[in-house]
Amino acid sequence: MDSSLTPFKVFCGTKSRYMAEEICKELGVELGSMKIEYFADGEFEVSFEESVRGCEVYLVQSTFPNSDNLMELLLMIDAAKRASAKSVAAVIPYFGWARQDRKDKPRVSIAAKLVANMLETAGADRVITMDLHADQIQGFFDIPVDHLYASSVFIPYIESLKLPDMAIATPDVGGAKRANNYAKFFDVPLVLCHKQRAKANVVAKMTVIGDVKDKNVILLDDMVDTAGTITKAANLMLENGAKTVRALCSHAIMSDPATERVENCGLTEMIFTNSIPYTKGCTKCTILSVARLFADTIRRVHSNQSISSQYLI
């Protein structure tokens, strides 16, 4: 059967409505109607207010804190399957719990794998996400995972800056592969930071590997939580002779005191996507929308077209 003849509908959870509305605008469709009813004890019930029988259903919901966002998504998937949807795709711009992708010490959970299991058990047929903290998380799923990259919005923005003497840097050796791809694309030097953590969210020591003297540095990271690492790296680059330092980060978790740290550090600009809603306000922050990226991917998945053109690097 021609997939173009199968209707598709887009719905969203409470905190990702802003993203779903942008995606629907790009697709030229109406956002589906659904209701979330809360009980006195905090429990909630999800119900679709229109038929999804025989439809391809796309559920837009990032799973950033708190955990209600993940629970909403799981209930939406379950409700869609029980309402006889033909297929259910979880559109997760920010995939939470991704930092817990392995046992790095005794007696800890692998939360990313657990979340993958829950999404599949709930009935998801596909996951569409962006810039996972670790690429290998795709292997935690036994269903298709479309792993998109924010490079499709970051690269045009970097090009628009027209920066001379540019260098690409990463505040963490773990991000070296991503940063190296950008450095190759722009044919500029790659600089690494080596950090040692005292504990989670606390950096004890950081050193720069590479030359940043008289360079306009672009720092790349997949997420900013408390901004301790990114601001320390930016200040260190400036101490080592960098002209300017900008940071590009896919997901703006921005837990307190992140906004204050960014405002008070040496960064010229912090650029991130709208995968997570950021409303605290920061004069140095620039937000780029990825709604078109996700809308185009949904359109291509629905019509069984290749999405390889979405991957710039």
Protein backbone atom coordinates (compact mmCIF):
# COMPACT_ATOMS: atom_id res chain seq x y z
CA MET A 1 0.00 0.00 0.00
CA ASP A 2 1.27 3.51 -0.86
CA SER A 3 2.31 5.11 2.44
CA SER A 4 1.18 8.50 1.13
CA LEU A 5 -2.39 7.21 1.32
CA THR A 6 -2.01 6.40 5.03
CA PRO A 7 -2.98 9.39 7.18
CA PHE A 8 -0.55 10.64 9.79
CA LYS A 9 -1.16 12.74 12.87
CA VAL A 10 1.13 14.66 15.22
CA PHE A 11 0.50 14.94 18.97
CA CYS A 12 2.62 16.24 21.82
CA GLY A 13 3.18 16.14 25.55
CA THR A 14 2.71 19.09 27.89
CA LYS A 15 6.21 20.61 27.89
CA SER A 16 7.01 20.03 24.19
CA ARG A 17 3.95 21.74 22.74
CA TYR A 18 6.03 24.69 21.51
CA MET A 19 8.14 22.31 19.40
CA ALA A 20 5.15 20.32 18.11
CA GLU A 21 3.40 23.51 17.00
CA GLU A 22 6.47 24.57 15.02
CA ILE A 23 6.78 21.09 13.47
CA CYS A 24 3.10 21.09 12.47
CA LYS A 25 3.48 24.55 10.93
CA GLU A 26 6.38 23.26 8.81
CA LEU A 27 4.34 20.18 7.83
CA GLY A 28 1.19 22.21 7.11
CA VAL A 29 -0.99 20.07 9.40
CA GLU A 30 -3.00 20.68 12.54
CA LEU A 31 -1.61 19.54 15.88
CA GLY A 32 -3.70 16.64 17.15
CA SER A 33 -5.97 17.08 20.14
CA MET A 34 -5.26 15.18 23.31
CA LYS A 35 -6.08 15.59 26.98
CA ILE A 36 -4.01 15.02 30.10
CA GLU A 37 -6.07 14.85 33.28
CA TYR A 38 -4.39 15.04 36.69
CA PHE A 39 -5.51 13.36 39.89
CA ALA A 40 -5.05 14.78 43.38
CA ASP A 41 -2.03 12.59 44.12
CA GLY A 42 -0.12 13.70 40.99
CA GLU A 43 -1.06 10.70 38.86
CA PHE A 44 -2.30 11.61 35.38
CA GLU A 45 -4.29 10.07 32.54
CA VAL A 46 -3.63 10.55 28.83
CA SER A 47 -6.39 10.36 26.22
CA PHE A 48 -6.61 11.19 22.53
CA GLU A 49 -9.57 13.43 21.70
CA GLU A 50 -9.76 12.24 18.10
CA SER A 51 -9.52 8.92 16.30
CA VAL A 52 -6.07 7.57 15.42
CA ARG A 53 -7.27 4.22 14.05
CA GLY A 54 -5.14 3.20 11.09
CA CYS A 55 -2.98 6.33 11.33
CA GLU A 56 0.76 6.80 11.56
CA VAL A 57 1.09 8.66 14.86
CA TYR A 58 4.06 10.91 15.69
CA LEU A 59 4.37 11.83 19.37
CA VAL A 60 6.60 14.84 20.08
CA GLN A 61 8.06 14.86 23.59
CA SER A 62 11.55 15.52 24.95
CA THR A 63 12.35 13.60 28.13
CA PHE A 64 14.16 16.30 30.06
CA PRO A 65 13.60 16.58 33.82
CA ASN A 66 11.28 16.07 35.52
CA SER A 67 10.38 12.44 34.92
CA ASP A 68 6.72 13.32 34.23
CA ASN A 69 7.78 14.10 30.65
CA LEU A 70 8.99 10.55 30.11
CA MET A 71 5.89 9.12 31.79
CA GLU A 72 3.62 11.25 29.59
CA LEU A 73 5.39 9.91 26.50
CA LEU A 74 5.04 6.29 27.64
CA LEU A 75 1.32 6.75 28.33
CA MET A 76 0.80 8.47 24.96
CA ILE A 77 2.46 5.57 23.16
CA ASP A 78 0.37 3.03 25.06
CA ALA A 79 -2.85 4.97 24.42
CA ALA A 80 -2.11 5.25 20.69
CA LYS A 81 -1.43 1.51 20.37
CA ARG A 82 -4.62 0.65 22.28
CA ALA A 83 -6.53 3.03 20.00
CA SER A 84 -5.44 0.96 16.96
CA ALA A 85 -2.87 3.34 15.48
CA LYS A 86 -1.09 1.74 12.54
CA SER A 87 2.32 2.78 13.87
CA VAL A 88 3.69 4.99 16.63
CA ALA A 89 6.89 7.03 16.33
CA ALA A 90 8.35 8.71 19.41
CA VAL A 91 9.86 12.04 18.33
CA ILE A 92 12.30 12.88 21.12
CA PRO A 93 14.38 16.01 20.35
CA TYR A 94 16.22 15.57 23.66
CA PHE A 95 16.68 11.99 24.90
CA GLY A 96 17.15 12.17 28.66
CA TRP A 97 19.07 9.75 30.90
CA ALA A 98 21.55 9.35 28.04
CA ARG A 99 24.54 10.13 30.26
CA GLN A 100 23.92 6.82 32.06
CA ASP A 101 24.85 4.61 29.10
CA ARG A 102 27.20 2.17 30.85
CA LYS A 103 28.32 0.93 34.26
CA ASP A 104 31.15 3.31 35.11
CA LYS A 105 31.21 2.19 38.75
CA PRO A 106 29.76 -0.74 40.73
CA ARG A 107 26.06 -1.10 41.53
CA VAL A 108 24.63 1.55 39.19
CA SER A 109 21.86 1.30 36.61
CA ILE A 110 22.22 1.78 32.86
CA ALA A 111 19.34 4.23 32.63
CA ALA A 112 19.59 4.83 28.87
CA LYS A 113 19.02 1.12 28.21
CA LEU A 114 16.12 1.05 30.70
CA VAL A 115 14.44 4.00 28.96
CA ALA A 116 14.92 2.27 25.59
CA ASN A 117 13.28 -0.87 26.98
CA MET A 118 10.35 1.10 28.36
CA LEU A 119 9.72 2.90 25.06
CA GLU A 120 9.66 -0.41 23.19
CA THR A 121 7.49 -2.12 25.82
CA ALA A 122 5.02 0.76 25.67
CA GLY A 123 4.67 0.08 21.94
CA ALA A 124 6.90 2.53 20.04
CA ASP A 125 7.64 1.35 16.50
CA ARG A 126 10.28 4.00 15.80
CA VAL A 127 12.33 6.66 17.58
CA ILE A 128 13.39 9.95 16.02
CA THR A 129 15.90 11.84 18.15
CA MET A 130 18.83 14.25 17.89
CA ASP A 131 22.43 14.35 19.13
CA LEU A 132 22.42 11.51 21.62
CA HIS A 133 25.00 11.86 24.37
CA ALA A 134 26.50 8.57 23.15
CA ASP A 135 25.97 7.20 19.63
CA GLN A 136 25.91 3.61 20.88
CA ILE A 137 22.55 4.22 22.58
CA GLN A 138 21.01 3.50 19.16
CA GLY A 139 22.09 -0.09 19.74
CA PHE A 140 19.95 -0.30 22.88
CA PHE A 141 16.86 -0.39 20.66
CA ASP A 142 15.46 -3.25 18.57
CA ILE A 143 13.36 -0.78 16.54
CA PRO A 144 14.53 1.80 13.95
CA VAL A 145 16.21 4.88 15.42
CA ASP A 146 16.66 7.97 13.27
CA HIS A 147 19.54 9.80 14.95
CA LEU A 148 19.61 13.36 13.61
CA TYR A 149 22.36 15.93 14.07
CA ALA A 150 22.09 19.60 14.99
CA SER A 151 24.87 20.29 12.47
CA SER A 152 22.12 21.05 9.94
CA VAL A 153 21.38 24.28 11.85
CA PHE A 154 24.79 24.87 13.44
CA ILE A 155 26.87 24.80 10.24
CA PRO A 156 24.89 27.55 8.44
CA TYR A 157 25.09 29.65 11.61
CA ILE A 158 28.86 29.22 11.92
CA GLU A 159 29.24 30.12 8.23
CA SER A 160 27.18 33.27 8.76
CA LEU A 161 29.66 34.47 11.42
CA LYS A 162 32.48 34.58 8.84
CA LEU A 163 35.11 34.16 11.55
CA PRO A 164 38.78 34.42 10.49
CA ASP A 165 41.41 32.22 12.14
CA MET A 166 38.77 29.81 13.43
CA ALA A 167 39.46 26.73 15.56
CA ILE A 168 37.06 24.01 16.68
CA ALA A 169 37.37 22.81 20.27
CA THR A 170 35.71 20.36 22.62
CA PRO A 171 35.54 20.82 26.41
CA ASP A 172 35.68 17.04 26.90
CA VAL A 173 37.76 14.37 25.18
CA GLY A 174 34.55 12.34 24.87
CA GLY A 175 33.31 14.86 22.30
CA ALA A 176 36.46 14.61 20.16
CA LYS A 177 34.78 12.68 17.34
CA ARG A 178 32.00 15.26 16.94
CA ALA A 179 34.46 18.17 17.09
CA ASN A 180 36.83 16.49 14.64
CA ASN A 181 34.00 16.19 12.09
CA TYR A 182 33.37 19.93 12.32
CA ALA A 183 37.10 20.72 12.11
CA LYS A 184 37.41 18.62 8.94
CA PHE A 185 34.30 20.23 7.42
CA PHE A 186 35.66 23.76 7.93
CA ASP A 187 39.31 22.72 7.42
CA VAL A 188 40.43 24.36 10.66
CA PRO A 189 42.53 23.19 13.64
CA LEU A 190 41.08 20.95 16.36
CA VAL A 191 41.71 21.71 20.02
CA LEU A 192 40.90 19.37 22.91
CA CYS A 193 40.32 19.96 26.61
CA HIS A 194 41.16 17.25 29.10
CA LYS A 195 39.14 17.47 32.29
CA GLN A 196 39.25 15.60 35.57
CA ARG A 197 36.06 15.50 37.61
CA ALA A 198 35.96 15.60 41.40
CA LYS A 199 32.36 14.30 41.19
CA ALA A 200 29.32 14.64 38.94
CA ASN A 201 28.87 18.24 37.69
CA VAL A 202 32.12 19.34 39.37
CA VAL A 203 35.34 19.76 37.32
CA ALA A 204 38.52 19.56 39.40
CA LYS A 205 41.15 20.29 36.74
CA MET A 206 41.23 21.13 33.02
CA THR A 207 44.06 21.48 30.51
CA VAL A 208 44.13 22.57 26.84
CA ILE A 209 45.65 20.29 24.20
CA GLY A 210 46.43 22.39 21.11
CA ASP A 211 47.14 26.00 20.14
CA VAL A 212 44.37 28.61 20.49
CA LYS A 213 46.53 31.76 20.43
CA ASP A 214 44.89 34.45 18.24
CA LYS A 215 42.11 32.05 17.27
CA ASN A 216 38.36 32.54 17.22
CA VAL A 217 37.33 29.36 19.00
CA ILE A 218 34.08 27.43 18.59
CA LEU A 219 33.48 25.09 21.55
CA LEU A 220 31.23 22.12 20.77
CA ASP A 221 29.26 20.02 23.24
CA ASP A 222 26.08 17.97 23.11
CA MET A 223 24.50 19.40 26.28
CA VAL A 224 24.96 22.09 28.92
CA ASP A 225 23.72 21.21 32.40
CA THR A 226 25.24 23.44 35.09
CA ALA A 227 27.63 25.05 32.53
CA GLY A 228 30.60 24.40 34.79
CA THR A 229 32.64 22.59 32.13
CA ILE A 230 31.83 24.86 29.18
CA THR A 231 32.52 28.11 31.05
CA LYS A 232 35.75 26.79 32.59
CA ALA A 233 36.89 25.71 29.11
CA ALA A 234 36.00 29.10 27.62
CA ASN A 235 37.94 31.01 30.28
CA LEU A 236 40.90 28.65 29.87
CA MET A 237 40.93 29.24 26.08
CA LEU A 238 41.01 33.01 26.64
CA GLU A 239 43.84 32.63 29.18
CA ASN A 240 45.76 30.75 26.48
CA GLY A 241 45.44 33.63 24.01
CA ALA A 242 42.17 33.00 22.13
CA LYS A 243 40.60 36.11 20.56
CA THR A 244 36.99 35.04 21.14
CA VAL A 245 35.21 31.91 22.32
CA ARG A 246 31.71 30.82 21.33
CA ALA A 247 29.92 27.65 22.46
CA LEU A 248 27.58 25.51 20.38
CA CYS A 249 25.55 23.03 22.41
CA SER A 250 22.66 20.91 21.16
CA HIS A 251 20.63 20.68 24.37
CA ALA A 252 20.21 23.53 26.87
CA ILE A 253 19.45 21.79 30.16
CA MET A 254 20.81 24.91 31.89
CA SER A 255 20.27 23.89 35.51
CA ASP A 256 20.99 26.61 38.08
CA PRO A 257 23.45 28.29 38.26
CA ALA A 258 24.14 27.79 34.52
CA THR A 259 22.63 31.08 33.33
CA GLU A 260 24.63 33.09 35.86
CA ARG A 261 27.85 31.26 34.95
CA VAL A 262 27.36 31.91 31.22
CA GLU A 263 26.64 35.60 31.84
CA ASN A 264 29.76 36.01 33.97
CA CYS A 265 32.26 33.97 31.93
CA GLY A 266 34.36 34.98 28.93
CA LEU A 267 32.07 33.47 26.31
CA THR A 268 31.09 35.85 23.52
CA GLU A 269 28.01 33.80 22.72
CA MET A 270 26.26 30.55 23.66
CA ILE A 271 24.29 28.95 20.84
CA PHE A 272 21.94 26.02 21.32
CA THR A 273 18.82 24.47 19.82
CA ASN A 274 15.26 24.58 21.12
CA SER A 275 15.16 20.83 21.86
CA ILE A 276 14.53 21.87 25.48
CA PRO A 277 12.55 25.03 26.29
CA TYR A 278 14.82 27.71 27.76
CA THR A 279 13.00 30.64 29.34
CA LYS A 280 15.37 31.91 32.03
CA GLY A 281 16.88 34.52 29.73
CA CYS A 282 20.56 35.16 29.04
CA THR A 283 21.98 38.04 27.01
CA LYS A 284 24.66 35.76 25.55
CA CYS A 285 22.31 32.97 24.43
CA THR A 286 21.11 32.41 20.87
CA ILE A 287 18.47 29.74 20.24
CA LEU A 288 18.18 27.99 16.85
CA SER A 289 15.05 26.02 15.97
CA VAL A 290 15.29 22.40 14.82
CA ALA A 291 11.56 22.14 14.04
CA ARG A 292 12.20 22.12 10.28
CA LEU A 293 14.75 19.31 10.70
CA PHE A 294 12.22 17.13 12.54
CA ALA A 295 9.33 18.08 10.23
CA ASP A 296 11.32 17.13 7.15
CA THR A 297 12.33 13.83 8.77
CA ILE A 298 8.70 13.01 9.64
CA ARG A 299 7.70 13.83 6.06
CA ARG A 300 10.42 11.56 4.66
CA VAL A 301 9.68 8.70 7.05
CA HIS A 302 5.98 8.90 6.19
CA SER A 303 6.69 8.74 2.44
CA ASN A 304 9.46 6.11 2.77
CA GLN A 305 12.14 8.47 1.46
CA SER A 306 15.80 8.52 2.43
CA ILE A 307 16.79 10.85 5.27
CA SER A 308 20.54 10.68 4.60
CA SER A 309 20.49 14.25 3.25
CA GLN A 310 19.75 15.37 6.83
CA TYR A 311 23.28 14.48 7.89
CA LEU A 312 25.60 17.35 6.94
CA ILE A 313 28.52 15.90 8.88
